Structure formats: structure tokens, C-alpha cells
Amino acid sequence: MKQRLQTVLRQLLKPAPRHTTLFNGQLLDQKREDVYVVMHQNGLIR
């Protein structure tokens, strides 16, 4: 029983796996341009 409890605790205390995200440079550029246009239209950028 003690060994089973230790096994369960070890599994619970393991760090969560990191999910890798893919960097999408094209999407970043598109969002940057969209934000620039909106700010320009609102008079925040001349």
C-alpha cells in the first residue's frame, strides 16, 4: 500500500509536459500590419 501511494505521488509531482508551439512569422507580420493600419486610422500614428 505504501509503495502504491509513493508511485501515485511520484506521478502527480512530475512536471507537466511542455507543449511546443510553432512560431508563425507570417501571421505575426499580418497582425502587426493590421494594428498599424487601425492605429493610423484612429489618428494615433501620423
C-alpha atoms as a PDB file:
ATOM      1  CA  MET A   1       0.000   0.000   0.000  1.00  0.00           C
ATOM      2  CA  LYS A   2       2.793   2.395   0.919  1.00  0.00           C
ATOM      3  CA  GLN A   3       4.649   1.637  -2.308  1.00  0.00           C
ATOM      4  CA  ARG A   4       1.480   2.209  -4.357  1.00  0.00           C
ATOM      5  CA  LEU A   5       0.929   5.569  -2.644  1.00  0.00           C
ATOM      6  CA  GLN A   6       4.532   6.596  -3.348  1.00  0.00           C
ATOM      7  CA  THR A   7       4.127   5.628  -7.011  1.00  0.00           C
ATOM      8  CA  VAL A   8       0.956   7.689  -7.345  1.00  0.00           C
ATOM      9  CA  LEU A   9       2.551  10.680  -5.622  1.00  0.00           C
ATOM     10  CA  ARG A  10       5.597  10.480  -7.907  1.00  0.00           C
ATOM     11  CA  GLN A  11       3.341  10.540 -10.963  1.00  0.00           C
ATOM     12  CA  LEU A  12       1.399  13.518  -9.634  1.00  0.00           C
ATOM     13  CA  LEU A  13       4.531  15.507  -8.841  1.00  0.00           C
ATOM     14  CA  LYS A  14       6.112  15.106 -12.285  1.00  0.00           C
ATOM     15  CA  PRO A  15       6.287  18.401 -14.170  1.00  0.00           C
ATOM     16  CA  ALA A  16       3.659  18.798 -16.829  1.00  0.00           C
ATOM     17  CA  PRO A  17       4.901  18.214 -20.376  1.00  0.00           C
ATOM     18  CA  ARG A  18       5.609  21.383 -22.303  1.00  0.00           C
ATOM     19  CA  HIS A  19       3.630  21.759 -25.459  1.00  0.00           C
ATOM     20  CA  THR A  20       5.690  23.246 -28.213  1.00  0.00           C
ATOM     21  CA  THR A  21       4.115  25.985 -30.234  1.00  0.00           C
ATOM     22  CA  LEU A  22       5.219  26.728 -33.736  1.00  0.00           C
ATOM     23  CA  PHE A  23       6.296  30.286 -34.421  1.00  0.00           C
ATOM     24  CA  ASN A  24       4.341  31.750 -37.313  1.00  0.00           C
ATOM     25  CA  GLY A  25       6.257  34.784 -38.569  1.00  0.00           C
ATOM     26  CA  GLN A  26       3.860  35.421 -41.425  1.00  0.00           C
ATOM     27  CA  LEU A  27       0.894  35.635 -39.043  1.00  0.00           C
ATOM     28  CA  LEU A  28       2.868  37.963 -36.768  1.00  0.00           C
ATOM     29  CA  ASP A  29       3.634  40.272 -39.699  1.00  0.00           C
ATOM     30  CA  GLN A  30      -0.035  40.280 -40.750  1.00  0.00           C
ATOM     31  CA  LYS A  31      -1.208  41.177 -37.228  1.00  0.00           C
ATOM     32  CA  ARG A  32       1.450  43.901 -36.978  1.00  0.00           C
ATOM     33  CA  GLU A  33       0.274  45.454 -40.240  1.00  0.00           C
ATOM     34  CA  ASP A  34      -3.366  45.255 -39.139  1.00  0.00           C
ATOM     35  CA  VAL A  35      -2.587  47.007 -35.852  1.00  0.00           C
ATOM     36  CA  TYR A  36      -0.584  49.700 -37.661  1.00  0.00           C
ATOM     37  CA  VAL A  37      -3.473  50.395 -40.068  1.00  0.00           C
ATOM     38  CA  VAL A  38      -6.027  50.627 -37.256  1.00  0.00           C
ATOM     39  CA  MET A  39      -3.816  52.937 -35.188  1.00  0.00           C
ATOM     40  CA  HIS A  40      -3.182  55.104 -38.244  1.00  0.00           C
ATOM     41  CA  GLN A  41      -6.925  55.307 -38.984  1.00  0.00           C
ATOM     42  CA  ASN A  42      -7.623  56.330 -35.402  1.00  0.00           C
ATOM     43  CA  GLY A  43      -5.020  59.108 -35.535  1.00  0.00           C
ATOM     44  CA  LEU A  44      -2.620  57.513 -33.084  1.00  0.00           C
ATOM     45  CA  ILE A  45       0.141  57.376 -35.703  1.00  0.00           C
ATOM     46  CA  ARG A  46       0.815  60.055 -38.303  1.00  0.00           C
END
